[in-house]
Protein backbone atom coordinates (compact mmCIF):
# COMPACT_ATOMS: atom_id res chain seq x y z
CA UNK A 1 83.99 139.53 137.04
CA UNK A 2 81.01 137.25 137.66
CA UNK A 3 81.06 135.44 140.85
CA UNK A 4 80.16 132.15 139.67
CA UNK A 5 83.81 132.36 137.55
CA UNK A 6 85.34 131.36 141.11
CA UNK A 7 84.67 127.55 141.03
CA UNK A 8 86.43 127.79 137.93
CA UNK A 9 89.25 129.92 138.75
CA UNK A 10 92.74 129.02 140.15
CA UNK A 11 95.92 130.11 141.33
CA UNK A 12 98.10 129.61 137.96
CA UNK A 13 101.03 129.29 140.38
CA UNK A 14 100.32 127.04 143.29
CA UNK A 15 96.64 125.82 141.91
CA UNK A 16 95.18 127.04 145.14
CA UNK A 17 91.48 128.26 145.04
CA UNK A 18 91.05 131.91 145.41
CA UNK A 19 89.55 134.42 147.92
CA UNK A 20 87.36 137.13 146.72
CA UNK A 21 87.89 140.34 148.16
CA UNK A 22 84.91 143.37 146.78
CA UNK A 23 85.86 146.31 146.19
CA UNK A 24 83.31 147.66 143.97
CA UNK A 25 80.45 146.25 142.06
CA UNK A 26 79.06 147.35 138.78
CA UNK A 27 75.53 146.63 138.34
CA UNK A 28 73.35 147.35 135.60
CA UNK A 29 75.73 145.60 133.37
CA UNK A 30 72.98 145.38 130.25
CA UNK A 31 74.65 141.89 129.21
CA UNK A 32 74.59 140.02 132.28
CA UNK A 33 72.25 138.60 134.29
CA UNK A 34 73.92 138.78 137.46
CA UNK A 35 76.26 142.74 138.77
CA UNK A 36 79.10 142.15 137.41
CA UNK A 37 82.26 142.47 140.10
CA UNK A 38 84.65 144.91 138.55
CA UNK A 39 87.12 145.72 141.49
CA UNK A 40 88.37 143.02 143.70
CA UNK A 41 91.06 141.42 145.09
CA UNK A 42 91.97 137.35 144.47
CA UNK A 43 93.43 136.06 147.53
CA UNK A 44 95.54 132.29 146.61
CA UNK A 45 96.16 130.54 150.22
CA UNK A 46 100.24 130.71 150.22
CA UNK A 47 101.79 134.37 148.83
CA UNK A 48 99.67 135.21 145.02
CA UNK A 49 97.31 138.50 144.71
CA UNK A 50 95.89 138.63 141.47
CA UNK A 51 93.46 142.05 140.51
CA UNK A 52 89.89 142.32 139.26
CA UNK A 53 89.90 145.45 137.27
CA UNK A 54 87.88 146.18 134.81
CA UNK A 55 85.64 143.92 135.56
CA UNK A 56 87.98 141.42 134.33
CA UNK A 57 90.66 138.55 136.46
CA UNK A 58 93.63 139.38 136.08
CA UNK A 59 95.86 135.80 136.54
CA UNK A 60 99.61 136.14 135.35
CA UNK A 61 102.65 135.49 137.68
CA UNK A 62 103.26 139.25 137.04
CA UNK A 63 100.11 140.71 138.00
CA UNK A 64 101.28 141.94 140.80
CA UNK A 65 103.47 143.82 139.23
CA UNK A 66 101.81 144.77 136.38
CA UNK A 67 98.71 146.62 138.44
CA UNK A 68 101.04 148.03 140.99
CA UNK A 69 99.37 151.62 140.96
CA UNK A 70 95.22 149.20 141.63
CA UNK A 71 97.12 147.36 144.50
CA UNK A 72 98.69 150.43 145.91
CA UNK A 73 95.64 152.38 145.74
CA UNK A 74 93.41 148.95 147.90
CA UNK A 75 96.76 147.29 149.38
CA UNK A 76 98.02 148.33 152.09
CA UNK A 77 100.57 145.65 152.89
CA UNK A 78 101.56 146.03 149.22
CA UNK A 79 105.26 146.44 149.77
CA UNK A 80 105.50 143.39 151.93
CA UNK A 81 103.55 141.47 150.02
CA UNK A 82 105.52 141.87 147.08
CA UNK A 83 109.06 141.61 148.50
CA UNK A 84 107.73 138.20 149.98
CA UNK A 85 107.31 137.01 146.55
CA UNK A 86 110.27 138.31 144.51
CA UNK A 87 112.19 136.94 147.38
CA UNK A 88 110.70 133.79 146.99
CA UNK A 89 110.04 133.35 143.74
CA UNK A 90 113.05 135.00 141.31
CA UNK A 91 113.55 132.87 138.83
CA UNK A 92 110.11 131.69 138.48
CA UNK A 93 109.25 136.13 138.06
CA UNK A 94 112.54 136.59 136.00
CA UNK A 95 111.02 133.92 133.84
CA UNK A 96 107.58 135.46 133.49
CA UNK A 97 108.63 138.84 132.84
CA UNK A 98 111.03 137.74 129.75
CA UNK A 99 108.83 135.22 127.22
CA UNK A 100 105.67 137.23 127.73
CA UNK A 101 107.20 140.87 127.57
CA UNK A 102 106.48 141.57 124.13
CA UNK A 103 104.22 138.45 123.56
CA UNK A 104 101.71 141.07 125.90
CA UNK A 105 102.78 144.79 123.86
CA UNK A 106 102.54 142.80 120.28
CA UNK A 107 99.34 141.39 120.71
CA UNK A 108 97.76 144.65 122.51
CA UNK A 109 98.98 146.38 119.42
CA UNK A 110 97.78 144.07 116.95
CA UNK A 111 93.92 143.88 118.25
CA UNK A 112 93.79 147.48 118.57
CA UNK A 113 93.05 148.60 115.61
CA UNK A 114 90.31 145.73 115.29
CA UNK A 115 87.20 148.04 114.67
CA UNK A 116 84.10 145.68 116.09
CA UNK A 117 81.13 147.15 113.48
CA UNK A 118 83.11 146.73 110.72
CA UNK A 119 86.07 144.63 110.67
CA UNK A 120 86.05 140.32 109.54
CA UNK A 121 87.98 138.68 112.42
CA UNK A 122 90.54 135.98 109.26
CA UNK A 123 88.68 137.12 107.13
CA UNK A 124 85.33 135.57 108.23
CA UNK A 125 82.34 137.66 109.77
CA UNK A 126 79.92 135.85 112.28
CA UNK A 127 78.69 132.61 111.07
CA UNK A 128 82.37 131.87 109.45
CA UNK A 129 83.89 131.60 112.48
CA UNK A 130 81.59 129.50 114.18
CA UNK A 131 81.18 126.80 111.74
CA UNK A 132 84.67 127.58 111.44
CA UNK A 133 85.19 126.44 115.49
CA UNK A 134 82.62 123.38 114.88
CA UNK A 135 85.24 121.91 111.64
CA UNK A 136 88.43 122.48 113.54
CA UNK A 137 86.89 121.34 116.36
CA UNK A 138 84.57 117.81 114.95
CA UNK A 139 81.57 119.62 116.69
CA UNK A 140 77.98 120.39 115.70
CA UNK A 141 76.21 123.06 116.94
CA UNK A 142 73.20 120.71 119.29
CA UNK A 143 77.00 119.03 120.79
CA UNK A 144 77.93 122.48 122.50
CA UNK A 145 75.30 123.09 124.43
CA UNK A 146 75.68 122.40 128.28
CA UNK A 147 78.92 122.09 127.39
CA UNK A 148 82.63 123.84 129.16
CA UNK A 149 85.10 125.15 127.07
CA UNK A 150 88.42 127.29 127.84
CA UNK A 151 89.60 129.33 124.63
CA UNK A 152 93.81 129.90 125.11
CA UNK A 153 94.26 132.61 123.72
CA UNK A 154 91.63 134.46 122.52
CA UNK A 155 92.12 137.88 120.68
CA UNK A 156 89.23 140.01 119.87
CA UNK A 157 87.12 137.78 121.49
CA UNK A 158 84.41 137.54 118.77
CA UNK A 159 84.13 134.06 118.91
CA UNK A 160 83.35 133.76 122.63
CA UNK A 161 79.85 135.29 122.49
CA UNK A 162 79.17 133.15 119.28
CA UNK A 163 80.01 129.44 121.01
CA UNK A 164 78.51 130.51 124.22
CA UNK A 165 74.81 131.10 122.33
CA UNK A 166 75.23 128.11 121.31
CA UNK A 167 74.24 127.05 125.02
CA UNK A 168 77.59 125.87 126.49
CA UNK A 169 79.46 128.08 129.07
CA UNK A 170 83.08 129.55 127.91
CA UNK A 171 86.19 130.86 129.64
CA UNK A 172 87.82 133.19 127.51
CA UNK A 173 91.68 134.01 128.16
CA UNK A 174 94.54 136.39 126.44
CA UNK A 175 97.72 137.05 127.56
CA UNK A 176 97.63 140.49 126.56
CA UNK A 177 95.24 143.48 126.70
CA UNK A 178 93.19 143.31 124.00
CA UNK A 179 91.02 141.03 126.19
CA UNK A 180 89.84 144.57 127.70
CA UNK A 181 87.81 145.37 124.64
CA UNK A 182 86.80 141.51 124.26
CA UNK A 183 85.08 141.54 127.44
CA UNK A 184 83.49 145.34 126.53
CA UNK A 185 82.12 143.86 123.15
CA UNK A 186 81.18 140.93 124.69
CA UNK A 187 76.95 140.11 124.84
CA UNK A 188 76.73 137.05 126.91
CA UNK A 189 76.77 136.25 129.90
CA UNK A 190 77.69 132.95 129.43
CA UNK A 191 80.87 134.20 127.57
CA UNK A 192 83.85 135.23 130.61
CA UNK A 193 87.23 137.31 129.84
CA UNK A 194 90.26 137.14 131.65
CA UNK A 195 93.75 137.67 131.75
CA UNK A 196 96.01 134.89 131.90
CA UNK A 197 99.34 132.77 130.81
CA UNK A 198 99.01 129.31 128.31
CA UNK A 199 101.98 128.60 130.60
CA UNK A 200 100.12 129.02 133.80
CA UNK A 201 96.75 128.44 133.16
CA UNK A 202 94.81 129.63 135.80
CA UNK A 203 91.35 127.02 135.79
CA UNK A 204 90.59 123.60 137.20
CA UNK A 205 92.38 121.04 135.90
CA UNK A 206 90.02 118.44 134.50
CA UNK A 207 87.48 120.43 133.89
CA UNK A 208 86.62 121.86 130.50
CA UNK A 209 84.73 119.39 128.03
CA UNK A 210 86.87 121.38 124.87
CA UNK A 211 89.98 122.96 125.47
CA UNK A 212 90.81 125.13 122.97
CA UNK A 213 93.94 126.54 121.15
CA UNK A 214 93.48 128.95 117.53
CA UNK A 215 96.70 130.35 116.24
CA UNK A 216 98.92 130.66 119.93
CA UNK A 217 101.08 128.04 121.08
CA UNK A 218 103.15 128.05 118.00
CA UNK A 219 103.52 132.04 119.38
CA UNK A 220 104.98 131.34 122.75
CA UNK A 221 108.90 130.29 123.62
CA UNK A 222 108.06 127.00 123.64
CA UNK A 223 105.06 125.36 121.89
CA UNK A 224 105.16 122.06 123.13
CA UNK A 225 105.58 123.10 126.81
CA UNK A 226 102.82 125.19 126.63
CA UNK A 227 100.48 122.99 125.15
CA UNK A 228 101.48 120.20 127.87
CA UNK A 229 100.75 123.28 130.43
CA UNK A 230 96.97 123.81 128.83
CA UNK A 231 96.49 119.52 128.30
CA UNK A 232 95.42 118.68 132.36
CA UNK A 233 92.92 120.96 131.89
CA UNK A 234 90.69 118.35 129.83
CA UNK A 235 88.51 116.34 131.72
CA UNK A 236 88.18 112.74 131.30
CA UNK A 237 86.61 112.75 127.65
CA UNK A 238 87.14 116.11 127.05
CA UNK A 239 88.73 117.16 123.42
CA UNK A 240 91.75 118.66 122.91
CA UNK A 241 91.93 121.31 119.64
CA UNK A 242 94.51 123.23 118.87
CA UNK A 243 95.16 125.66 115.19
CA UNK A 244 98.95 125.44 114.65
CA UNK A 245 101.06 127.19 111.57
CA UNK A 246 102.82 124.10 109.23
CA UNK A 247 106.05 125.06 106.88
CA UNK A 248 105.45 126.13 103.78
CA UNK A 249 107.13 125.81 100.49
CA UNK A 250 106.69 129.48 99.65
CA UNK A 251 109.53 131.47 98.42
CA UNK A 252 107.43 135.11 100.22
CA UNK A 253 106.57 132.72 103.16
CA UNK A 254 110.17 131.72 103.62
CA UNK A 255 111.20 135.61 102.11
CA UNK A 256 108.97 137.06 105.60
CA UNK A 257 110.28 134.82 107.26
CA UNK A 258 113.46 135.94 107.21
CA UNK A 259 112.58 139.55 107.54
CA UNK A 260 111.56 138.51 110.72
CA UNK A 261 114.68 137.91 112.25
CA UNK A 262 115.92 141.27 110.75
CA UNK A 263 113.20 143.05 112.63
CA UNK A 264 112.69 141.44 115.43
CA UNK A 265 115.48 142.96 117.93
CA UNK A 266 113.97 146.57 116.70
CA UNK A 267 111.71 148.64 118.85
CA UNK A 268 108.39 147.99 118.78
CA UNK A 269 107.65 151.55 117.58
CA UNK A 270 110.16 151.08 115.05
CA UNK A 271 108.88 147.53 114.23
CA UNK A 272 105.56 149.06 112.98
CA UNK A 273 107.02 152.58 111.68
CA UNK A 274 108.78 150.02 109.37
CA UNK A 275 105.63 147.89 108.53
CA UNK A 276 103.55 150.41 108.03
CA UNK A 277 105.89 152.39 105.12
CA UNK A 278 107.50 149.01 103.31
CA UNK A 279 105.00 145.65 103.86
CA UNK A 280 102.24 147.61 104.09
CA UNK A 281 101.90 149.55 100.76
CA UNK A 282 102.93 146.18 98.89
CA UNK A 283 101.03 144.04 100.82
CA UNK A 284 97.92 146.42 99.71
CA UNK A 285 98.56 146.40 96.30
CA UNK A 286 98.98 142.54 95.71
CA UNK A 287 95.72 142.12 97.56
CA UNK A 288 93.89 144.25 95.92
CA UNK A 289 95.40 142.94 92.33
CA UNK A 290 94.01 139.81 93.64
CA UNK A 291 90.43 141.01 94.07
CA UNK A 292 91.05 140.24 98.38
CA UNK A 293 88.13 142.10 100.27
CA UNK A 294 89.95 142.73 102.88
CA UNK A 295 89.80 147.02 104.42
CA UNK A 296 93.14 148.55 105.39
CA UNK A 297 92.24 147.35 109.09
CA UNK A 298 92.53 144.16 108.51
CA UNK A 299 95.45 143.73 106.26
CA UNK A 300 97.38 146.19 108.57
CA UNK A 301 96.47 143.29 112.07
CA UNK A 302 97.46 139.94 108.79
CA UNK A 303 100.57 142.09 108.53
CA UNK A 304 101.19 142.49 112.34
CA UNK A 305 100.42 139.07 113.42
CA UNK A 306 102.67 137.80 111.28
CA UNK A 307 106.04 140.42 111.91
CA UNK A 308 105.32 141.61 115.13
CA UNK A 309 105.24 138.45 117.92
CA UNK A 310 108.68 137.71 119.16
CA UNK A 311 107.97 133.82 118.56
CA UNK A 312 106.11 132.36 115.42
CA UNK A 313 107.08 128.74 114.98
CA UNK A 314 105.76 126.24 112.12
CA UNK A 315 104.70 122.58 112.84
CA UNK A 316 103.67 119.26 111.39
CA UNK A 317 100.88 117.04 112.14
CA UNK A 318 102.64 114.69 112.63
CA UNK A 319 104.83 116.22 115.42
CA UNK A 320 101.05 117.69 117.33
CA UNK A 321 99.68 113.87 116.86
CA UNK A 322 103.19 112.70 119.23
CA UNK A 323 101.96 115.12 121.65
CA UNK A 324 98.79 114.20 121.95
CA UNK A 325 99.52 110.85 122.10
CA UNK A 326 102.31 110.44 124.21
CA UNK A 327 100.20 112.67 126.61
CA UNK A 328 96.87 109.88 126.95
CA UNK A 329 94.69 110.66 124.12
CA UNK A 330 93.21 109.06 121.51
CA UNK A 331 91.23 109.77 117.86
CA UNK A 332 93.84 111.97 117.19
CA UNK A 333 92.41 113.69 113.75
CA UNK A 334 93.50 116.53 111.77
CA UNK A 335 90.27 118.26 111.33
CA UNK A 336 91.12 121.69 108.89
CA UNK A 337 93.94 122.32 106.81
CA UNK A 338 93.91 125.76 105.06
CA UNK A 339 97.38 127.75 102.79
CA UNK A 340 99.01 129.01 106.83
CA UNK A 341 98.18 126.05 109.00
CA UNK A 342 96.60 123.02 110.17
CA UNK A 343 93.55 122.54 113.29
CA UNK A 344 93.97 118.82 115.30
CA UNK A 345 91.84 117.59 117.81
CA UNK A 346 92.29 114.36 120.05
CA UNK A 347 89.92 112.56 122.69
CA UNK A 348 91.16 111.51 126.52
CA UNK A 349 90.09 109.11 127.57
CA UNK A 350 87.16 108.50 130.36
CA UNK A 351 89.07 106.63 131.94
CA UNK A 352 92.38 107.96 132.68
CA UNK A 353 94.10 104.90 134.37
CA UNK A 354 94.61 103.90 131.77
CA UNK A 355 94.94 106.79 128.93
CA UNK A 356 98.74 106.07 128.53
CA UNK A 357 101.03 103.33 128.80
CA UNK A 358 103.54 103.22 132.15
């Protein structure tokens, strides 16, 4: 974490600014112009507190529980602070722990297979990834220069380094521990990584030129709710871009979604073992017959992405266009469509007082 990030961050619950208490710096980072804050505690104005570990701000609601060992080493009154939060916010804490537990597990496992030296992200090399982002957001390279961009659900984080190279500042957020490898692999000082929840974005509202969420919101317990929680981060005149699955009339597609119903209750380890023994060999054979260039790790990631998330929803473009319109966006446009899904964008009015009807 760089100290200048504090301008962008806030408490995900109270939306108050965060006060930094530094514990350790990591000097001499080859990818950063300034020293990286490797360990710290971020305090909200009321009740909430969050760790910075491994150079990453951990800004989920449940971070005070997930990083208990860290706090016990560095915060003498941790037990009192924890007790106060649990007494004051029991329903909120129970809600986020329930909805996030399996999502964090599934995507941490999925991206742990990714090899940054050899693998491609969704069959795309670096240039293909950047070009796809430009098509999805209806931008060009020069148009990214000077923009502030929020990537909500960054996965392996490679795209964010590529965007930063075009002259943008990017805040990349993910719920799972995949954020740790993304941070370590980053090679640009203007790509910043945080752990956070799309339903409780720990970022200032009305700040970002582009909020982009690709293949993420349909993996939450309520897609439109998650969509609405990110929307306030878009600045007046800014752009909201979302990629989602669409329904498909395909026998294999329906079969896989039916199989998900039976796999879902299984423990994570057992689900993975079953997929490796059954779906993976069949998928590998079919893809090789069709001439796929995917390697084994890329195929496993594809399979895990389909079968292991707790939630996997599909939406029509018209449905999502309505979400944008009723929140005051104009120039709504489907920018890309492929076999699995579509990307849609909308622009927020410069004058929010006339952006939506009463």
